[in-house]
Amino acid sequence: EELVGEIQDEHEALRDDLREESPGCWLVPGFLEVERAAGLVGMSVNGAEVETVGGLITGILGRVPEAGESLVHEGIQ
């Protein structure tokens, strides 16, 4: 009898969620750590008071973004 299905560690699951749509264009989940996302796009996040990409975007906009909405910040969309 199987109690749990296949077990993945958290880092393995994150790799599946990161997708490079085109050179330099990444699709990432909102729960991704800001430092990791910054490393993908070459952005500095020194002193960021948020932990996730979703938190960063919400902080920049001052509200929760609408579905399909885009944002340009420091030359990064």
PDB file of N, CA and C in Angstrom:
ATOM      1  N   GLU A   1       0.850  -1.175   0.000  1.00  0.00           N
ATOM      2  CA  GLU A   1       0.000   0.000   0.000  1.00  0.00           C
ATOM      3  C   GLU A   1       0.893   1.235   0.000  1.00  0.00           C
ATOM      4  N   GLU A   2       0.561   2.194  -0.835  1.00  0.00           N
ATOM      5  CA  GLU A   2       1.351   3.415  -0.949  1.00  0.00           C
ATOM      6  C   GLU A   2       0.640   4.545  -0.219  1.00  0.00           C
ATOM      7  N   LEU A   3       1.320   5.160   0.729  1.00  0.00           N
ATOM      8  CA  LEU A   3       0.722   6.255   1.491  1.00  0.00           C
ATOM      9  C   LEU A   3       0.941   7.605   0.836  1.00  0.00           C
ATOM     10  N   VAL A   4       2.093   7.783   0.228  1.00  0.00           N
ATOM     11  CA  VAL A   4       2.381   9.044  -0.457  1.00  0.00           C
ATOM     12  C   VAL A   4       2.870   8.725  -1.851  1.00  0.00           C
ATOM     13  N   GLY A   5       2.654   9.643  -2.743  1.00  0.00           N
ATOM     14  CA  GLY A   5       3.131   9.463  -4.104  1.00  0.00           C
ATOM     15  C   GLY A   5       4.607   9.773  -4.186  1.00  0.00           C
ATOM     16  N   GLU A   6       5.047  10.146  -5.357  1.00  0.00           N
ATOM     17  CA  GLU A   6       6.446  10.491  -5.554  1.00  0.00           C
ATOM     18  C   GLU A   6       6.798  11.714  -4.707  1.00  0.00           C
ATOM     19  N   ILE A   7       7.915  11.639  -4.036  1.00  0.00           N
ATOM     20  CA  ILE A   7       8.330  12.739  -3.168  1.00  0.00           C
ATOM     21  C   ILE A   7       9.399  13.552  -3.884  1.00  0.00           C
ATOM     22  N   GLN A   8       9.181  14.864  -3.967  1.00  0.00           N
ATOM     23  CA  GLN A   8      10.157  15.777  -4.551  1.00  0.00           C
ATOM     24  C   GLN A   8      10.613  16.728  -3.464  1.00  0.00           C
ATOM     25  N   ASP A   9      11.886  17.105  -3.530  1.00  0.00           N
ATOM     26  CA  ASP A   9      12.303  18.127  -2.585  1.00  0.00           C
ATOM     27  C   ASP A   9      11.880  19.484  -3.127  1.00  0.00           C
ATOM     28  N   GLU A  10      11.910  20.505  -2.278  1.00  0.00           N
ATOM     29  CA  GLU A  10      11.415  21.829  -2.671  1.00  0.00           C
ATOM     30  C   GLU A  10      12.215  22.420  -3.816  1.00  0.00           C
ATOM     31  N   HIS A  11      13.513  22.119  -3.919  1.00  0.00           N
ATOM     32  CA  HIS A  11      14.325  22.678  -4.996  1.00  0.00           C
ATOM     33  C   HIS A  11      13.994  22.031  -6.333  1.00  0.00           C
ATOM     34  N   GLU A  12      13.699  20.747  -6.319  1.00  0.00           N
ATOM     35  CA  GLU A  12      13.307  20.047  -7.540  1.00  0.00           C
ATOM     36  C   GLU A  12      11.986  20.602  -8.060  1.00  0.00           C
ATOM     37  N   ALA A  13      11.043  20.862  -7.172  1.00  0.00           N
ATOM     38  CA  ALA A  13       9.750  21.419  -7.575  1.00  0.00           C
ATOM     39  C   ALA A  13       9.928  22.806  -8.167  1.00  0.00           C
ATOM     40  N   LEU A  14      10.817  23.626  -7.599  1.00  0.00           N
ATOM     41  CA  LEU A  14      11.041  24.974  -8.121  1.00  0.00           C
ATOM     42  C   LEU A  14      11.628  24.947  -9.518  1.00  0.00           C
ATOM     43  N   ARG A  15      12.533  24.015  -9.796  1.00  0.00           N
ATOM     44  CA  ARG A  15      13.123  23.940 -11.132  1.00  0.00           C
ATOM     45  C   ARG A  15      12.039  23.731 -12.178  1.00  0.00           C
ATOM     46  N   ASP A  16      11.026  22.967 -11.859  1.00  0.00           N
ATOM     47  CA  ASP A  16       9.948  22.709 -12.801  1.00  0.00           C
ATOM     48  C   ASP A  16       9.104  23.954 -13.051  1.00  0.00           C
ATOM     49  N   ASP A  17       9.062  24.882 -12.096  1.00  0.00           N
ATOM     50  CA  ASP A  17       8.239  26.078 -12.219  1.00  0.00           C
ATOM     51  C   ASP A  17       8.937  27.222 -12.938  1.00  0.00           C
ATOM     52  N   LEU A  18      10.254  27.167 -13.096  1.00  0.00           N
ATOM     53  CA  LEU A  18      10.998  28.217 -13.783  1.00  0.00           C
ATOM     54  C   LEU A  18      11.041  27.882 -15.263  1.00  0.00           C
ATOM     55  N   ARG A  19      10.660  28.844 -16.086  1.00  0.00           N
ATOM     56  CA  ARG A  19      10.638  28.583 -17.526  1.00  0.00           C
ATOM     57  C   ARG A  19      11.193  29.788 -18.263  1.00  0.00           C
ATOM     58  N   GLU A  20      12.218  29.578 -19.082  1.00  0.00           N
ATOM     59  CA  GLU A  20      12.747  30.659 -19.904  1.00  0.00           C
ATOM     60  C   GLU A  20      11.931  30.674 -21.192  1.00  0.00           C
ATOM     61  N   GLU A  21      11.082  31.682 -21.328  1.00  0.00           N
ATOM     62  CA  GLU A  21      10.186  31.794 -22.481  1.00  0.00           C
ATOM     63  C   GLU A  21      10.961  32.124 -23.757  1.00  0.00           C
ATOM     64  N   SER A  22      11.952  32.981 -23.646  1.00  0.00           N
ATOM     65  CA  SER A  22      12.851  33.362 -24.726  1.00  0.00           C
ATOM     66  C   SER A  22      14.129  33.844 -24.046  1.00  0.00           C
ATOM     67  N   PRO A  23      15.205  34.069 -24.795  1.00  0.00           N
ATOM     68  CA  PRO A  23      16.451  34.484 -24.145  1.00  0.00           C
ATOM     69  C   PRO A  23      16.245  35.712 -23.244  1.00  0.00           C
ATOM     70  N   GLY A  24      16.524  35.533 -21.960  1.00  0.00           N
ATOM     71  CA  GLY A  24      16.392  36.625 -20.998  1.00  0.00           C
ATOM     72  C   GLY A  24      14.985  36.870 -20.495  1.00  0.00           C
ATOM     73  N   CYS A  25      14.012  36.100 -20.948  1.00  0.00           N
ATOM     74  CA  CYS A  25      12.614  36.275 -20.528  1.00  0.00           C
ATOM     75  C   CYS A  25      12.185  35.039 -19.741  1.00  0.00           C
ATOM     76  N   TRP A  26      12.005  35.218 -18.421  1.00  0.00           N
ATOM     77  CA  TRP A  26      11.676  34.109 -17.536  1.00  0.00           C
ATOM     78  C   TRP A  26      10.261  34.212 -17.016  1.00  0.00           C
ATOM     79  N   LEU A  27       9.586  33.100 -16.941  1.00  0.00           N
ATOM     80  CA  LEU A  27       8.279  33.000 -16.300  1.00  0.00           C
ATOM     81  C   LEU A  27       8.524  32.308 -14.967  1.00  0.00           C
ATOM     82  N   VAL A  28       8.222  33.016 -13.871  1.00  0.00           N
ATOM     83  CA  VAL A  28       8.505  32.477 -12.537  1.00  0.00           C
ATOM     84  C   VAL A  28       7.263  32.582 -11.666  1.00  0.00           C
ATOM     85  N   PRO A  29       7.127  31.693 -10.696  1.00  0.00           N
ATOM     86  CA  PRO A  29       5.985  31.775  -9.781  1.00  0.00           C
ATOM     87  C   PRO A  29       6.177  32.909  -8.776  1.00  0.00           C
ATOM     88  N   GLY A  30       5.095  33.460  -8.297  1.00  0.00           N
ATOM     89  CA  GLY A  30       5.142  34.548  -7.332  1.00  0.00           C
ATOM     90  C   GLY A  30       5.786  34.166  -6.020  1.00  0.00           C
ATOM     91  N   PHE A  31       5.798  32.868  -5.687  1.00  0.00           N
ATOM     92  CA  PHE A  31       6.400  32.448  -4.423  1.00  0.00           C
ATOM     93  C   PHE A  31       7.913  32.256  -4.510  1.00  0.00           C
ATOM     94  N   LEU A  32       8.498  32.476  -5.699  1.00  0.00           N
ATOM     95  CA  LEU A  32       9.942  32.329  -5.866  1.00  0.00           C
ATOM     96  C   LEU A  32      10.677  33.384  -5.047  1.00  0.00           C
ATOM     97  N   GLU A  33      11.774  32.994  -4.399  1.00  0.00           N
ATOM     98  CA  GLU A  33      12.554  33.933  -3.607  1.00  0.00           C
ATOM     99  C   GLU A  33      13.109  35.036  -4.501  1.00  0.00           C
ATOM    100  N   VAL A  34      13.044  36.276  -4.012  1.00  0.00           N
ATOM    101  CA  VAL A  34      13.507  37.439  -4.773  1.00  0.00           C
ATOM    102  C   VAL A  34      14.968  37.268  -5.192  1.00  0.00           C
ATOM    103  N   GLU A  35      15.821  36.794  -4.294  1.00  0.00           N
ATOM    104  CA  GLU A  35      17.242  36.648  -4.612  1.00  0.00           C
ATOM    105  C   GLU A  35      17.462  35.702  -5.789  1.00  0.00           C
ATOM    106  N   ARG A  36      16.694  34.641  -5.841  1.00  0.00           N
ATOM    107  CA  ARG A  36      16.846  33.672  -6.935  1.00  0.00           C
ATOM    108  C   ARG A  36      16.386  34.275  -8.263  1.00  0.00           C
ATOM    109  N   ALA A  37      15.269  34.974  -8.246  1.00  0.00           N
ATOM    110  CA  ALA A  37      14.777  35.620  -9.463  1.00  0.00           C
ATOM    111  C   ALA A  37      15.745  36.703  -9.919  1.00  0.00           C
ATOM    112  N   ALA A  38      16.281  37.460  -8.978  1.00  0.00           N
ATOM    113  CA  ALA A  38      17.228  38.526  -9.306  1.00  0.00           C
ATOM    114  C   ALA A  38      18.466  37.952  -9.985  1.00  0.00           C
ATOM    115  N   GLY A  39      18.901  36.794  -9.538  1.00  0.00           N
ATOM    116  CA  GLY A  39      20.046  36.145 -10.154  1.00  0.00           C
ATOM    117  C   GLY A  39      19.781  35.745 -11.598  1.00  0.00           C
ATOM    118  N   LEU A  40      18.554  35.399 -11.921  1.00  0.00           N
ATOM    119  CA  LEU A  40      18.203  35.012 -13.293  1.00  0.00           C
ATOM    120  C   LEU A  40      18.268  36.192 -14.248  1.00  0.00           C
ATOM    121  N   VAL A  41      17.845  37.370 -13.777  1.00  0.00           N
ATOM    122  CA  VAL A  41      17.729  38.532 -14.667  1.00  0.00           C
ATOM    123  C   VAL A  41      18.803  39.587 -14.436  1.00  0.00           C
ATOM    124  N   GLY A  42      19.717  39.347 -13.496  1.00  0.00           N
ATOM    125  CA  GLY A  42      20.797  40.290 -13.246  1.00  0.00           C
ATOM    126  C   GLY A  42      20.358  41.554 -12.541  1.00  0.00           C
ATOM    127  N   MET A  43      19.351  41.456 -11.703  1.00  0.00           N
ATOM    128  CA  MET A  43      18.823  42.607 -10.972  1.00  0.00           C
ATOM    129  C   MET A  43      19.371  42.592  -9.550  1.00  0.00           C
ATOM    130  N   SER A  44      19.648  43.767  -9.000  1.00  0.00           N
ATOM    131  CA  SER A  44      20.109  43.872  -7.619  1.00  0.00           C
ATOM    132  C   SER A  44      18.910  44.030  -6.695  1.00  0.00           C
ATOM    133  N   VAL A  45      18.895  43.275  -5.610  1.00  0.00           N
ATOM    134  CA  VAL A  45      17.809  43.384  -4.633  1.00  0.00           C
ATOM    135  C   VAL A  45      18.359  43.647  -3.233  1.00  0.00           C
ATOM    136  N   ASN A  46      19.540  44.248  -3.172  1.00  0.00           N
ATOM    137  CA  ASN A  46      20.129  44.557  -1.870  1.00  0.00           C
ATOM    138  C   ASN A  46      19.178  45.434  -1.076  1.00  0.00           C
ATOM    139  N   GLY A  47      18.913  45.037   0.141  1.00  0.00           N
ATOM    140  CA  GLY A  47      18.033  45.816   1.010  1.00  0.00           C
ATOM    141  C   GLY A  47      16.553  45.601   0.765  1.00  0.00           C
ATOM    142  N   ALA A  48      16.198  44.661  -0.110  1.00  0.00           N
ATOM    143  CA  ALA A  48      14.776  44.396  -0.354  1.00  0.00           C
ATOM    144  C   ALA A  48      14.129  43.911   0.934  1.00  0.00           C
ATOM    145  N   GLU A  49      12.978  44.444   1.242  1.00  0.00           N
ATOM    146  CA  GLU A  49      12.278  44.077   2.475  1.00  0.00           C
ATOM    147  C   GLU A  49      11.228  43.001   2.246  1.00  0.00           C
ATOM    148  N   VAL A  50      11.256  42.384   1.091  1.00  0.00           N
ATOM    149  CA  VAL A  50      10.314  41.314   0.764  1.00  0.00           C
ATOM    150  C   VAL A  50      11.103  40.050   0.463  1.00  0.00           C
ATOM    151  N   GLU A  51      10.440  38.927   0.525  1.00  0.00           N
ATOM    152  CA  GLU A  51      11.113  37.649   0.303  1.00  0.00           C
ATOM    153  C   GLU A  51      10.767  37.006  -1.029  1.00  0.00           C
ATOM    154  N   THR A  52       9.592  37.320  -1.595  1.00  0.00           N
ATOM    155  CA  THR A  52       9.137  36.640  -2.810  1.00  0.00           C
ATOM    156  C   THR A  52       8.939  37.617  -3.961  1.00  0.00           C
ATOM    157  N   VAL A  53       8.919  37.073  -5.175  1.00  0.00           N
ATOM    158  CA  VAL A  53       8.652  37.883  -6.363  1.00  0.00           C
ATOM    159  C   VAL A  53       7.271  38.525  -6.257  1.00  0.00           C
ATOM    160  N   GLY A  54       6.290  37.767  -5.789  1.00  0.00           N
ATOM    161  CA  GLY A  54       4.940  38.315  -5.616  1.00  0.00           C
ATOM    162  C   GLY A  54       4.920  39.484  -4.652  1.00  0.00           C
ATOM    163  N   GLY A  55       5.664  39.365  -3.558  1.00  0.00           N
ATOM    164  CA  GLY A  55       5.750  40.453  -2.589  1.00  0.00           C
ATOM    165  C   GLY A  55       6.423  41.678  -3.173  1.00  0.00           C
ATOM    166  N   LEU A  56       7.463  41.476  -3.982  1.00  0.00           N
ATOM    167  CA  LEU A  56       8.157  42.589  -4.628  1.00  0.00           C
ATOM    168  C   LEU A  56       7.232  43.328  -5.586  1.00  0.00           C
ATOM    169  N   ILE A  57       6.533  42.586  -6.428  1.00  0.00           N
ATOM    170  CA  ILE A  57       5.629  43.204  -7.406  1.00  0.00           C
ATOM    171  C   ILE A  57       4.490  43.935  -6.705  1.00  0.00           C
ATOM    172  N   THR A  58       3.917  43.330  -5.695  1.00  0.00           N
ATOM    173  CA  THR A  58       2.847  43.977  -4.937  1.00  0.00           C
ATOM    174  C   THR A  58       3.356  45.255  -4.283  1.00  0.00           C
ATOM    175  N   GLY A  59       4.578  45.220  -3.754  1.00  0.00           N
ATOM    176  CA  GLY A  59       5.162  46.402  -3.131  1.00  0.00           C
ATOM    177  C   GLY A  59       5.414  47.525  -4.121  1.00  0.00           C
ATOM    178  N   ILE A  60       5.895  47.199  -5.305  1.00  0.00           N
ATOM    179  CA  ILE A  60       6.163  48.214  -6.331  1.00  0.00           C
ATOM    180  C   ILE A  60       4.861  48.850  -6.796  1.00  0.00           C
ATOM    181  N   LEU A  61       3.847  48.028  -7.050  1.00  0.00           N
ATOM    182  CA  LEU A  61       2.562  48.541  -7.533  1.00  0.00           C
ATOM    183  C   LEU A  61       1.752  49.208  -6.423  1.00  0.00           C
ATOM    184  N   GLY A  62       1.968  48.766  -5.188  1.00  0.00           N
ATOM    185  CA  GLY A  62       1.162  49.264  -4.076  1.00  0.00           C
ATOM    186  C   GLY A  62      -0.195  48.583  -3.994  1.00  0.00           C
ATOM    187  N   ARG A  63      -0.331  47.480  -4.710  1.00  0.00           N
ATOM    188  CA  ARG A  63      -1.582  46.717  -4.742  1.00  0.00           C
ATOM    189  C   ARG A  63      -1.295  45.355  -5.358  1.00  0.00           C
ATOM    190  N   VAL A  64      -2.240  44.458  -5.268  1.00  0.00           N
ATOM    191  CA  VAL A  64      -2.113  43.149  -5.906  1.00  0.00           C
ATOM    192  C   VAL A  64      -2.341  43.335  -7.409  1.00  0.00           C
ATOM    193  N   PRO A  65      -1.454  42.806  -8.251  1.00  0.00           N
ATOM    194  CA  PRO A  65      -1.626  42.992  -9.696  1.00  0.00           C
ATOM    195  C   PRO A  65      -2.841  42.236 -10.240  1.00  0.00           C
ATOM    196  N   GLU A  66      -3.382  42.760 -11.321  1.00  0.00           N
ATOM    197  CA  GLU A  66      -4.483  42.104 -12.041  1.00  0.00           C
ATOM    198  C   GLU A  66      -3.916  40.940 -12.857  1.00  0.00           C
ATOM    199  N   ALA A  67      -4.719  39.960 -13.156  1.00  0.00           N
ATOM    200  CA  ALA A  67      -4.294  38.843 -14.011  1.00  0.00           C
ATOM    201  C   ALA A  67      -3.876  39.381 -15.372  1.00  0.00           C
ATOM    202  N   GLY A  68      -2.714  38.962 -15.854  1.00  0.00           N
ATOM    203  CA  GLY A  68      -2.222  39.373 -17.162  1.00  0.00           C
ATOM    204  C   GLY A  68      -1.533  40.726 -17.185  1.00  0.00           C
ATOM    205  N   GLU A  69      -1.517  41.422 -16.059  1.00  0.00           N
ATOM    206  CA  GLU A  69      -0.888  42.742 -15.983  1.00  0.00           C
ATOM    207  C   GLU A  69       0.632  42.597 -16.046  1.00  0.00           C
ATOM    208  N   SER A  70       1.301  43.565 -16.669  1.00  0.00           N
ATOM    209  CA  SER A  70       2.762  43.538 -16.695  1.00  0.00           C
ATOM    210  C   SER A  70       3.304  44.781 -16.006  1.00  0.00           C
ATOM    211  N   LEU A  71       4.570  44.738 -15.683  1.00  0.00           N
ATOM    212  CA  LEU A  71       5.207  45.797 -14.920  1.00  0.00           C
ATOM    213  C   LEU A  71       6.622  45.960 -15.438  1.00  0.00           C
ATOM    214  N   VAL A  72       7.085  47.197 -15.585  1.00  0.00           N
ATOM    215  CA  VAL A  72       8.476  47.467 -15.916  1.00  0.00           C
ATOM    216  C   VAL A  72       9.087  48.159 -14.709  1.00  0.00           C
ATOM    217  N   HIS A  73      10.190  47.591 -14.206  1.00  0.00           N
ATOM    218  CA  HIS A  73      10.875  48.152 -13.037  1.00  0.00           C
ATOM    219  C   HIS A  73      12.376  48.035 -13.266  1.00  0.00           C
ATOM    220  N   GLU A  74      13.083  49.147 -13.197  1.00  0.00           N
ATOM    221  CA  GLU A  74      14.526  49.174 -13.423  1.00  0.00           C
ATOM    222  C   GLU A  74      14.892  48.508 -14.746  1.00  0.00           C
ATOM    223  N   GLY A  75      14.106  48.762 -15.771  1.00  0.00           N
ATOM    224  CA  GLY A  75      14.377  48.225 -17.097  1.00  0.00           C
ATOM    225  C   GLY A  75      14.043  46.757 -17.277  1.00  0.00           C
ATOM    226  N   ILE A  76      13.419  46.158 -16.286  1.00  0.00           N
ATOM    227  CA  ILE A  76      13.055  44.737 -16.365  1.00  0.00           C
ATOM    228  C   ILE A  76      11.544  44.621 -16.365  1.00  0.00           C
ATOM    229  N   GLN A  77      11.013  43.861 -17.317  1.00  0.00           N
ATOM    230  CA  GLN A  77       9.558  43.676 -17.396  1.00  0.00           C
ATOM    231  C   GLN A  77       9.193  42.308 -16.897  1.00  0.00           C
TER     232      GLN A  77
END
